[in-house]
Every structure is written in structure tokens, then in C-alpha cells.
Amino acid sequence: MNDLVAAILELDTRLMLLVFLLVLDGWAIWLIAKARPPLKEGVLWSAIVLLCPIVGCLFWYALGPKPLSGTSASGG
């Protein structure tokens, strides 16, 4: 167990950042696919996320289409 902790602590921070960005990109692309946008829009959003990982994910979160919720609140 101590060897594993030591190996993790010795990792280069750039490698850890790269892994984090890959996970973030994968999550964002999964959300894009889950939202089921039109094909051109989905490809465009995926390209933005892949080419600009941090900014692309933030734009997707702020501006991208959201999945429809299964429940609707009625006011009456």
C-alpha cells in the first residue's frame, strides 16, 4: 500500500493534469451524447470540447442543450 501511495505522489503534475482533462473530456462528450442534439450540433460541441478542453467544457455546461427531465412540475 505504501508503494502505491509513493508512486502516486511521484507522478508528474503534468501527467495528472492530462489524466484529469481526459476524464473531463470524456464526461463532457458523454453528456453531449446523452442530450441527443442534432448530429451537426453534437459533432460541433464534441470538436469544441476536444480542441479546447477546459473552455469547451465550460461552454458546454453554460450554453449546451440540457437533457430533458422525466418529471414536470404542474402549478395547479
PDB file of N, CA and C in Angstrom:
ATOM      1  N   MET A   1       0.828  -1.198   0.000  1.00  0.00           N
ATOM      2  CA  MET A   1       0.000   0.000   0.000  1.00  0.00           C
ATOM      3  C   MET A   1       0.866   1.253   0.000  1.00  0.00           C
ATOM      4  N   ASN A   2       1.929   1.255   0.800  1.00  0.00           N
ATOM      5  CA  ASN A   2       2.808   2.414   0.850  1.00  0.00           C
ATOM      6  C   ASN A   2       3.504   2.640  -0.480  1.00  0.00           C
ATOM      7  N   ASP A   3       3.800   1.544  -1.217  1.00  0.00           N
ATOM      8  CA  ASP A   3       4.424   1.684  -2.528  1.00  0.00           C
ATOM      9  C   ASP A   3       3.475   2.386  -3.505  1.00  0.00           C
ATOM     10  N   LEU A   4       2.191   2.074  -3.423  1.00  0.00           N
ATOM     11  CA  LEU A   4       1.209   2.699  -4.300  1.00  0.00           C
ATOM     12  C   LEU A   4       1.098   4.192  -4.020  1.00  0.00           C
ATOM     13  N   VAL A   5       1.052   4.548  -2.742  1.00  0.00           N
ATOM     14  CA  VAL A   5       0.963   5.963  -2.364  1.00  0.00           C
ATOM     15  C   VAL A   5       2.218   6.701  -2.811  1.00  0.00           C
ATOM     16  N   ALA A   6       3.366   6.092  -2.634  1.00  0.00           N
ATOM     17  CA  ALA A   6       4.615   6.725  -3.049  1.00  0.00           C
ATOM     18  C   ALA A   6       4.654   6.909  -4.560  1.00  0.00           C
ATOM     19  N   ALA A   7       4.179   5.926  -5.307  1.00  0.00           N
ATOM     20  CA  ALA A   7       4.164   6.032  -6.767  1.00  0.00           C
ATOM     21  C   ALA A   7       3.228   7.147  -7.222  1.00  0.00           C
ATOM     22  N   ILE A   8       2.086   7.274  -6.576  1.00  0.00           N
ATOM     23  CA  ILE A   8       1.142   8.329  -6.936  1.00  0.00           C
ATOM     24  C   ILE A   8       1.733   9.700  -6.628  1.00  0.00           C
ATOM     25  N   LEU A   9       2.402   9.834  -5.506  1.00  0.00           N
ATOM     26  CA  LEU A   9       2.986  11.119  -5.127  1.00  0.00           C
ATOM     27  C   LEU A   9       4.150  11.509  -6.037  1.00  0.00           C
ATOM     28  N   GLU A  10       4.805  10.520  -6.646  1.00  0.00           N
ATOM     29  CA  GLU A  10       5.934  10.801  -7.519  1.00  0.00           C
ATOM     30  C   GLU A  10       5.510  11.143  -8.946  1.00  0.00           C
ATOM     31  N   LEU A  11       4.232  10.997  -9.264  1.00  0.00           N
ATOM     32  CA  LEU A  11       3.772  11.295 -10.615  1.00  0.00           C
ATOM     33  C   LEU A  11       3.977  12.774 -10.932  1.00  0.00           C
ATOM     34  N   ASP A  12       4.279  13.014 -12.153  1.00  0.00           N
ATOM     35  CA  ASP A  12       4.452  14.381 -12.613  1.00  0.00           C
ATOM     36  C   ASP A  12       3.103  15.082 -12.629  1.00  0.00           C
ATOM     37  N   THR A  13       3.063  16.319 -12.221  1.00  0.00           N
ATOM     38  CA  THR A  13       1.794  17.047 -12.170  1.00  0.00           C
ATOM     39  C   THR A  13       1.200  17.237 -13.564  1.00  0.00           C
ATOM     40  N   ARG A  14       2.047  17.313 -14.582  1.00  0.00           N
ATOM     41  CA  ARG A  14       1.532  17.431 -15.948  1.00  0.00           C
ATOM     42  C   ARG A  14       0.775  16.183 -16.355  1.00  0.00           C
ATOM     43  N   LEU A  15       1.274  15.026 -15.954  1.00  0.00           N
ATOM     44  CA  LEU A  15       0.592  13.773 -16.252  1.00  0.00           C
ATOM     45  C   LEU A  15      -0.748  13.708 -15.528  1.00  0.00           C
ATOM     46  N   MET A  16      -0.781  14.148 -14.287  1.00  0.00           N
ATOM     47  CA  MET A  16      -2.033  14.154 -13.532  1.00  0.00           C
ATOM     48  C   MET A  16      -3.033  15.123 -14.156  1.00  0.00           C
ATOM     49  N   LEU A  17      -2.571  16.275 -14.640  1.00  0.00           N
ATOM     50  CA  LEU A  17      -3.440  17.232 -15.312  1.00  0.00           C
ATOM     51  C   LEU A  17      -3.974  16.652 -16.617  1.00  0.00           C
ATOM     52  N   LEU A  18      -3.134  15.948 -17.359  1.00  0.00           N
ATOM     53  CA  LEU A  18      -3.561  15.316 -18.601  1.00  0.00           C
ATOM     54  C   LEU A  18      -4.642  14.277 -18.340  1.00  0.00           C
ATOM     55  N   VAL A  19      -4.467  13.458 -17.326  1.00  0.00           N
ATOM     56  CA  VAL A  19      -5.476  12.456 -16.986  1.00  0.00           C
ATOM     57  C   VAL A  19      -6.776  13.141 -16.576  1.00  0.00           C
ATOM     58  N   PHE A  20      -6.680  14.194 -15.793  1.00  0.00           N
ATOM     59  CA  PHE A  20      -7.876  14.930 -15.381  1.00  0.00           C
ATOM     60  C   PHE A  20      -8.608  15.503 -16.589  1.00  0.00           C
ATOM     61  N   LEU A  21      -7.878  16.085 -17.536  1.00  0.00           N
ATOM     62  CA  LEU A  21      -8.502  16.651 -18.727  1.00  0.00           C
ATOM     63  C   LEU A  21      -9.134  15.569 -19.595  1.00  0.00           C
ATOM     64  N   LEU A  22      -8.506  14.408 -19.689  1.00  0.00           N
ATOM     65  CA  LEU A  22      -9.084  13.311 -20.464  1.00  0.00           C
ATOM     66  C   LEU A  22     -10.386  12.829 -19.840  1.00  0.00           C
ATOM     67  N   VAL A  23     -10.408  12.739 -18.523  1.00  0.00           N
ATOM     68  CA  VAL A  23     -11.634  12.338 -17.832  1.00  0.00           C
ATOM     69  C   VAL A  23     -12.712  13.405 -18.026  1.00  0.00           C
ATOM     70  N   LEU A  24     -12.337  14.667 -17.910  1.00  0.00           N
ATOM     71  CA  LEU A  24     -13.281  15.764 -18.102  1.00  0.00           C
ATOM     72  C   LEU A  24     -13.837  15.770 -19.521  1.00  0.00           C
ATOM     73  N   ASP A  25     -12.972  15.555 -20.512  1.00  0.00           N
ATOM     74  CA  ASP A  25     -13.429  15.491 -21.902  1.00  0.00           C
ATOM     75  C   ASP A  25     -14.379  14.326 -22.122  1.00  0.00           C
ATOM     76  N   GLY A  26     -14.024  13.176 -21.593  1.00  0.00           N
ATOM     77  CA  GLY A  26     -14.894  12.007 -21.740  1.00  0.00           C
ATOM     78  C   GLY A  26     -16.256  12.244 -21.112  1.00  0.00           C
ATOM     79  N   TRP A  27     -16.271  12.855 -19.950  1.00  0.00           N
ATOM     80  CA  TRP A  27     -17.535  13.149 -19.266  1.00  0.00           C
ATOM     81  C   TRP A  27     -18.373  14.124 -20.072  1.00  0.00           C
ATOM     82  N   ALA A  28     -17.728  15.175 -20.611  1.00  0.00           N
ATOM     83  CA  ALA A  28     -18.456  16.170 -21.395  1.00  0.00           C
ATOM     84  C   ALA A  28     -19.020  15.553 -22.671  1.00  0.00           C
ATOM     85  N   ILE A  29     -18.251  14.724 -23.352  1.00  0.00           N
ATOM     86  CA  ILE A  29     -18.739  14.090 -24.575  1.00  0.00           C
ATOM     87  C   ILE A  29     -19.862  13.114 -24.255  1.00  0.00           C
ATOM     88  N   TRP A  30     -19.767  12.429 -23.128  1.00  0.00           N
ATOM     89  CA  TRP A  30     -20.867  11.543 -22.711  1.00  0.00           C
ATOM     90  C   TRP A  30     -22.141  12.359 -22.463  1.00  0.00           C
ATOM     91  N   LEU A  31     -22.007  13.521 -21.841  1.00  0.00           N
ATOM     92  CA  LEU A  31     -23.174  14.390 -21.627  1.00  0.00           C
ATOM     93  C   LEU A  31     -23.734  14.915 -22.944  1.00  0.00           C
ATOM     94  N   ILE A  32     -22.853  15.204 -23.894  1.00  0.00           N
ATOM     95  CA  ILE A  32     -23.309  15.652 -25.205  1.00  0.00           C
ATOM     96  C   ILE A  32     -24.124  14.552 -25.865  1.00  0.00           C
ATOM     97  N   ALA A  33     -23.633  13.339 -25.826  1.00  0.00           N
ATOM     98  CA  ALA A  33     -24.359  12.218 -26.429  1.00  0.00           C
ATOM     99  C   ALA A  33     -25.673  11.962 -25.690  1.00  0.00           C
ATOM    100  N   LYS A  34     -25.666  12.131 -24.384  1.00  0.00           N
ATOM    101  CA  LYS A  34     -26.875  11.898 -23.579  1.00  0.00           C
ATOM    102  C   LYS A  34     -27.957  12.934 -23.891  1.00  0.00           C
ATOM    103  N   ALA A  35     -27.553  14.161 -24.230  1.00  0.00           N
ATOM    104  CA  ALA A  35     -28.515  15.216 -24.541  1.00  0.00           C
ATOM    105  C   ALA A  35     -29.162  15.007 -25.910  1.00  0.00           C
ATOM    106  N   ARG A  36     -28.567  14.172 -26.752  1.00  0.00           N
ATOM    107  CA  ARG A  36     -29.069  13.849 -28.095  1.00  0.00           C
ATOM    108  C   ARG A  36     -29.368  15.089 -28.937  1.00  0.00           C
ATOM    109  N   PRO A  37     -28.348  15.949 -29.137  1.00  0.00           N
ATOM    110  CA  PRO A  37     -28.563  17.095 -30.019  1.00  0.00           C
ATOM    111  C   PRO A  37     -28.587  16.628 -31.471  1.00  0.00           C
ATOM    112  N   PRO A  38     -28.994  17.489 -32.396  1.00  0.00           N
ATOM    113  CA  PRO A  38     -28.871  17.131 -33.817  1.00  0.00           C
ATOM    114  C   PRO A  38     -27.416  16.784 -34.153  1.00  0.00           C
ATOM    115  N   LEU A  39     -27.212  15.968 -35.179  1.00  0.00           N
ATOM    116  CA  LEU A  39     -25.882  15.437 -35.492  1.00  0.00           C
ATOM    117  C   LEU A  39     -24.838  16.536 -35.661  1.00  0.00           C
ATOM    118  N   LYS A  40     -25.140  17.549 -36.448  1.00  0.00           N
ATOM    119  CA  LYS A  40     -24.157  18.616 -36.685  1.00  0.00           C
ATOM    120  C   LYS A  40     -23.811  19.352 -35.396  1.00  0.00           C
ATOM    121  N   GLU A  41     -24.818  19.610 -34.590  1.00  0.00           N
ATOM    122  CA  GLU A  41     -24.583  20.307 -33.323  1.00  0.00           C
ATOM    123  C   GLU A  41     -23.758  19.445 -32.369  1.00  0.00           C
ATOM    124  N   GLY A  42     -24.053  18.170 -32.313  1.00  0.00           N
ATOM    125  CA  GLY A  42     -23.295  17.265 -31.443  1.00  0.00           C
ATOM    126  C   GLY A  42     -21.841  17.147 -31.860  1.00  0.00           C
ATOM    127  N   VAL A  43     -21.601  17.060 -33.173  1.00  0.00           N
ATOM    128  CA  VAL A  43     -20.231  16.985 -33.675  1.00  0.00           C
ATOM    129  C   VAL A  43     -19.495  18.290 -33.388  1.00  0.00           C
ATOM    130  N   LEU A  44     -20.172  19.407 -33.568  1.00  0.00           N
ATOM    131  CA  LEU A  44     -19.554  20.699 -33.296  1.00  0.00           C
ATOM    132  C   LEU A  44     -19.179  20.835 -31.821  1.00  0.00           C
ATOM    133  N   TRP A  45     -20.106  20.493 -30.931  1.00  0.00           N
ATOM    134  CA  TRP A  45     -19.813  20.570 -29.493  1.00  0.00           C
ATOM    135  C   TRP A  45     -18.675  19.622 -29.125  1.00  0.00           C
ATOM    136  N   SER A  46     -18.675  18.420 -29.679  1.00  0.00           N
ATOM    137  CA  SER A  46     -17.602  17.460 -29.373  1.00  0.00           C
ATOM    138  C   SER A  46     -16.254  17.998 -29.844  1.00  0.00           C
ATOM    139  N   ALA A  47     -16.222  18.600 -31.022  1.00  0.00           N
ATOM    140  CA  ALA A  47     -14.974  19.166 -31.530  1.00  0.00           C
ATOM    141  C   ALA A  47     -14.489  20.308 -30.646  1.00  0.00           C
ATOM    142  N   ILE A  48     -15.409  21.154 -30.215  1.00  0.00           N
ATOM    143  CA  ILE A  48     -15.029  22.259 -29.326  1.00  0.00           C
ATOM    144  C   ILE A  48     -14.440  21.719 -28.025  1.00  0.00           C
ATOM    145  N   VAL A  49     -15.087  20.699 -27.462  1.00  0.00           N
ATOM    146  CA  VAL A  49     -14.609  20.122 -26.201  1.00  0.00           C
ATOM    147  C   VAL A  49     -13.239  19.477 -26.389  1.00  0.00           C
ATOM    148  N   LEU A  50     -13.028  18.789 -27.516  1.00  0.00           N
ATOM    149  CA  LEU A  50     -11.740  18.127 -27.736  1.00  0.00           C
ATOM    150  C   LEU A  50     -10.621  19.113 -28.033  1.00  0.00           C
ATOM    151  N   LEU A  51     -10.923  20.182 -28.773  1.00  0.00           N
ATOM    152  CA  LEU A  51      -9.881  21.131 -29.145  1.00  0.00           C
ATOM    153  C   LEU A  51      -9.555  22.129 -28.036  1.00  0.00           C
ATOM    154  N   CYS A  52     -10.518  22.473 -27.232  1.00  0.00           N
ATOM    155  CA  CYS A  52     -10.333  23.409 -26.116  1.00  0.00           C
ATOM    156  C   CYS A  52     -10.937  22.775 -24.866  1.00  0.00           C
ATOM    157  N   PRO A  53     -10.225  21.862 -24.223  1.00  0.00           N
ATOM    158  CA  PRO A  53     -10.840  21.042 -23.172  1.00  0.00           C
ATOM    159  C   PRO A  53     -11.481  21.836 -22.036  1.00  0.00           C
ATOM    160  N   ILE A  54     -10.792  22.762 -21.452  1.00  0.00           N
ATOM    161  CA  ILE A  54     -11.332  23.456 -20.284  1.00  0.00           C
ATOM    162  C   ILE A  54     -12.418  24.441 -20.712  1.00  0.00           C
ATOM    163  N   VAL A  55     -12.109  25.297 -21.681  1.00  0.00           N
ATOM    164  CA  VAL A  55     -13.077  26.287 -22.140  1.00  0.00           C
ATOM    165  C   VAL A  55     -14.267  25.606 -22.807  1.00  0.00           C
ATOM    166  N   GLY A  56     -13.997  24.557 -23.590  1.00  0.00           N
ATOM    167  CA  GLY A  56     -15.071  23.831 -24.249  1.00  0.00           C
ATOM    168  C   GLY A  56     -16.046  23.205 -23.264  1.00  0.00           C
ATOM    169  N   CYS A  57     -15.539  22.626 -22.197  1.00  0.00           N
ATOM    170  CA  CYS A  57     -16.419  22.037 -21.176  1.00  0.00           C
ATOM    171  C   CYS A  57     -17.228  23.114 -20.468  1.00  0.00           C
ATOM    172  N   LEU A  58     -16.615  24.245 -20.197  1.00  0.00           N
ATOM    173  CA  LEU A  58     -17.355  25.334 -19.551  1.00  0.00           C
ATOM    174  C   LEU A  58     -18.438  25.876 -20.472  1.00  0.00           C
ATOM    175  N   PHE A  59     -18.124  26.043 -21.763  1.00  0.00           N
ATOM    176  CA  PHE A  59     -19.142  26.497 -22.724  1.00  0.00           C
ATOM    177  C   PHE A  59     -20.273  25.489 -22.829  1.00  0.00           C
ATOM    178  N   TRP A  60     -19.918  24.194 -22.875  1.00  0.00           N
ATOM    179  CA  TRP A  60     -20.960  23.161 -22.972  1.00  0.00           C
ATOM    180  C   TRP A  60     -21.877  23.245 -21.752  1.00  0.00           C
ATOM    181  N   TYR A  61     -21.289  23.384 -20.573  1.00  0.00           N
ATOM    182  CA  TYR A  61     -22.093  23.445 -19.359  1.00  0.00           C
ATOM    183  C   TYR A  61     -23.012  24.664 -19.366  1.00  0.00           C
ATOM    184  N   ALA A  62     -22.508  25.793 -19.856  1.00  0.00           N
ATOM    185  CA  ALA A  62     -23.292  27.031 -19.827  1.00  0.00           C
ATOM    186  C   ALA A  62     -24.278  27.143 -20.983  1.00  0.00           C
ATOM    187  N   LEU A  63     -23.883  26.722 -22.183  1.00  0.00           N
ATOM    188  CA  LEU A  63     -24.668  27.017 -23.371  1.00  0.00           C
ATOM    189  C   LEU A  63     -25.255  25.802 -24.069  1.00  0.00           C
ATOM    190  N   GLY A  64     -24.760  24.636 -23.769  1.00  0.00           N
ATOM    191  CA  GLY A  64     -25.197  23.446 -24.492  1.00  0.00           C
ATOM    192  C   GLY A  64     -26.607  23.018 -24.121  1.00  0.00           C
ATOM    193  N   PRO A  65     -27.233  22.224 -24.995  1.00  0.00           N
ATOM    194  CA  PRO A  65     -28.580  21.741 -24.690  1.00  0.00           C
ATOM    195  C   PRO A  65     -28.555  20.804 -23.493  1.00  0.00           C
ATOM    196  N   LYS A  66     -29.570  20.909 -22.681  1.00  0.00           N
ATOM    197  CA  LYS A  66     -29.671  20.076 -21.483  1.00  0.00           C
ATOM    198  C   LYS A  66     -30.602  18.898 -21.763  1.00  0.00           C
ATOM    199  N   PRO A  67     -30.322  17.736 -21.155  1.00  0.00           N
ATOM    200  CA  PRO A  67     -31.249  16.606 -21.323  1.00  0.00           C
ATOM    201  C   PRO A  67     -32.606  16.928 -20.714  1.00  0.00           C
ATOM    202  N   LEU A  68     -33.639  16.423 -21.332  1.00  0.00           N
ATOM    203  CA  LEU A  68     -34.985  16.657 -20.809  1.00  0.00           C
ATOM    204  C   LEU A  68     -35.179  15.865 -19.533  1.00  0.00           C
ATOM    205  N   SER A  69     -35.809  16.472 -18.520  1.00  0.00           N
ATOM    206  CA  SER A  69     -36.075  15.769 -17.279  1.00  0.00           C
ATOM    207  C   SER A  69     -37.348  14.951 -17.438  1.00  0.00           C
ATOM    208  N   GLY A  70     -37.439  13.854 -16.701  1.00  0.00           N
ATOM    209  CA  GLY A  70     -38.589  12.967 -16.808  1.00  0.00           C
ATOM    210  C   GLY A  70     -39.805  13.486 -16.058  1.00  0.00           C
ATOM    211  N   THR A  71     -39.606  14.406 -15.138  1.00  0.00           N
ATOM    212  CA  THR A  71     -40.726  14.905 -14.351  1.00  0.00           C
ATOM    213  C   THR A  71     -41.000  16.347 -14.720  1.00  0.00           C
ATOM    214  N   SER A  72     -42.243  16.727 -14.642  1.00  0.00           N
ATOM    215  CA  SER A  72     -42.615  18.122 -14.858  1.00  0.00           C
ATOM    216  C   SER A  72     -43.464  18.598 -13.692  1.00  0.00           C
ATOM    217  N   ALA A  73     -43.190  19.791 -13.249  1.00  0.00           N
ATOM    218  CA  ALA A  73     -43.946  20.340 -12.114  1.00  0.00           C
ATOM    219  C   ALA A  73     -45.156  21.078 -12.657  1.00  0.00           C
ATOM    220  N   SER A  74     -46.307  20.756 -12.123  1.00  0.00           N
ATOM    221  CA  SER A  74     -47.516  21.458 -12.538  1.00  0.00           C
ATOM    222  C   SER A  74     -47.904  22.439 -11.448  1.00  0.00           C
ATOM    223  N   GLY A  75     -48.357  23.572 -11.870  1.00  0.00           N
ATOM    224  CA  GLY A  75     -48.681  24.627 -10.920  1.00  0.00           C
ATOM    225  C   GLY A  75     -50.081  24.545 -10.360  1.00  0.00           C
ATOM    226  N   GLY A  76     -50.845  23.524 -10.690  1.00  0.00           N
ATOM    227  CA  GLY A  76     -52.206  23.580 -10.264  1.00  0.00           C
ATOM    228  C   GLY A  76     -52.652  22.416  -9.541  1.00  0.00           C
TER     229      GLY A  76
END
